[in-house]
Protein backbone atom coordinates (compact mmCIF):
# COMPACT_ATOMS: atom_id res chain seq x y z
CA MET A 1 80.64 110.90 116.74
CA GLN A 2 81.03 107.43 118.24
CA ALA A 3 80.38 108.77 121.74
CA LEU A 4 77.03 110.13 120.60
CA ALA A 5 76.10 106.79 119.01
CA HIS A 6 77.15 104.92 122.18
CA LYS A 7 75.09 107.31 124.30
CA GLU A 8 71.97 106.75 122.18
CA THR A 9 72.51 102.98 122.33
CA VAL A 10 72.87 103.09 126.11
CA GLU A 11 69.70 105.18 126.50
CA GLU A 12 67.75 102.73 124.32
CA LEU A 13 69.11 99.80 126.33
CA LYS A 14 68.14 101.51 129.59
CA LEU A 15 64.58 102.04 128.33
CA GLN A 16 64.26 98.40 127.32
CA TRP A 17 65.83 97.28 130.63
CA ARG A 18 63.24 99.27 132.62
CA LYS A 19 60.43 97.97 130.45
CA LEU A 20 61.65 94.38 130.89
CA TRP A 21 61.50 94.62 134.68
CA TRP A 22 58.28 96.64 134.74
CA ASP A 23 56.29 94.36 132.40
CA ARG A 24 57.54 90.99 133.64
CA ILE A 25 55.16 88.23 134.68
CA ASP A 26 55.56 87.20 138.32
CA ASP A 27 54.97 83.51 138.96
CA LYS A 28 54.32 83.36 142.69
CA LEU A 29 54.03 79.58 142.76
CA ARG A 30 57.57 79.03 141.43
CA ALA A 31 58.90 82.35 142.80
CA GLU A 32 60.32 83.62 139.55
CA GLY A 33 59.89 86.46 137.08
CA ILE A 34 59.35 85.76 133.38
CA ALA A 35 59.79 88.08 130.38
CA ASN A 36 56.50 88.62 128.58
CA THR A 37 57.89 89.90 125.24
CA ASP A 38 61.05 89.67 123.17
CA TYR A 39 63.85 92.13 123.91
CA SER A 40 66.34 91.62 121.10
CA MET A 41 68.75 94.33 122.26
CA LEU A 42 68.90 92.75 125.73
CA PHE A 43 69.25 89.21 124.30
CA VAL A 44 66.07 88.09 126.13
CA GLU A 45 63.30 86.09 124.47
CA LYS A 46 59.67 85.78 125.50
CA GLY A 47 59.30 83.27 128.33
CA THR A 48 62.87 83.60 129.59
CA VAL A 49 63.22 83.45 133.36
CA ILE A 50 64.77 86.76 134.38
CA PHE A 51 64.50 86.36 138.15
CA ALA A 52 64.36 83.32 140.40
CA THR A 53 65.13 82.52 144.02
CA ARG A 54 67.35 79.43 143.68
CA ASN A 55 70.22 78.29 141.46
CA PHE A 56 69.93 81.18 139.07
CA LYS A 57 72.30 83.67 137.48
CA MET A 58 70.77 87.15 137.34
CA LEU A 59 70.77 89.23 134.20
CA SER A 60 73.45 91.88 134.34
CA PHE A 61 73.03 95.22 132.58
CA ARG A 62 76.80 95.60 132.70
CA GLU A 63 77.32 92.38 130.71
CA ILE A 64 74.71 93.43 128.14
CA LEU A 65 76.55 96.73 127.60
CA GLN A 66 79.83 94.85 127.16
CA LEU A 67 78.23 92.56 124.57
CA HIS A 68 77.19 95.65 122.60
CA GLY A 69 80.81 96.82 122.59
CA ILE A 70 80.50 99.81 124.90
CA ILE A 71 83.89 100.55 126.44
CA ASP A 72 83.26 102.75 129.52
CA VAL A 73 80.73 100.53 131.27
CA ASP A 74 81.94 101.51 134.76
CA ARG A 75 81.20 105.16 134.03
CA LEU A 76 77.66 104.42 132.85
CA VAL A 77 76.51 101.85 135.41
CA PRO A 78 76.93 102.21 139.18
CA PRO A 79 78.52 99.28 141.04
CA SER A 80 76.32 96.53 142.43
CA PRO A 81 75.35 96.77 146.10
CA SER A 82 77.38 93.66 146.95
CA VAL A 83 80.55 95.40 145.76
CA GLY A 84 79.48 98.66 147.33
CA GLY A 85 79.10 102.24 146.24
CA TRP A 86 79.17 105.57 148.02
CA GLY A 87 76.90 104.38 150.83
CA LYS A 88 79.15 101.47 151.72
CA PHE A 89 82.22 103.70 151.50
CA ILE A 90 80.68 106.15 153.95
CA ARG A 91 79.66 103.38 156.36
CA THR A 92 83.00 101.59 156.32
CA VAL A 93 85.52 104.41 156.03
CA ILE A 94 84.10 107.77 157.02
CA ALA A 95 81.71 106.75 159.81
CA ASN A 96 84.34 104.65 161.59
CA GLN A 97 86.90 107.42 161.90
CA LYS A 98 87.60 108.62 165.41
CA PRO A 99 86.99 112.33 165.89
CA LYS A 100 90.05 114.49 166.35
CA ARG A 101 90.22 115.98 169.81
CA ARG A 102 90.95 119.60 170.31
CA ILE A 103 94.05 120.34 172.32
CA ARG A 104 93.39 122.56 175.26
CA ARG A 105 95.41 125.70 175.39
CA ALA A 106 96.85 124.76 178.81
CA GLN A 107 97.99 121.37 177.51
CA GLN A 108 99.49 122.99 174.48
CA TYR A 109 101.84 125.19 176.52
CA SER A 110 102.74 122.75 179.29
CA ASP A 111 106.32 121.50 179.35
CA GLY A 112 105.52 117.91 180.06
CA GLN A 113 104.59 116.44 183.42
CA LYS A 114 103.28 118.46 186.33
CA GLN A 115 105.23 118.75 189.53
CA LYS A 116 103.63 116.77 192.33
CA GLN A 117 102.31 118.78 195.25
CA GLN A 118 103.41 118.18 198.78
CA LEU A 119 101.26 115.57 200.51
CA LYS A 120 99.13 116.73 203.41
CA LYS A 121 100.13 115.36 206.84
CA GLY A 122 103.31 113.88 205.41
CA GLY A 123 101.44 111.42 203.21
CA ARG A 124 99.40 109.98 206.07
CA GLY A 125 96.19 111.53 204.76
CA TRP A 126 93.55 113.45 206.66
CA LEU A 127 93.13 111.01 209.48
CA HIS A 128 94.76 111.87 212.80
CA PHE A 129 96.31 109.17 214.90
């Protein structure tokens, strides 16, 4: 029963989160985004700066979920791009692996090193003196 209540709360928070970012007021002069209405579930009041370019701590959906007492936040919210997700894992781990080479059948059955062949002209090469 609690899982269902948590799920409904998370869905409501996600809707308000999307609406907050969609309906924000962009101040191009100061390079910041401002909330245009109150969002009580997100703990954001009208006129709160939600995005700025300098000396600013971004709002975190993960922290808002933790303040509401939701336990499995990692399961509900993907990791931030700075930490990395599946894309970063693929770029750093899978893409950098060296391909495995196929062993030729002749190499597979050889007993080690080849025997050296006899040198032509006693090792003097092809030139005649």
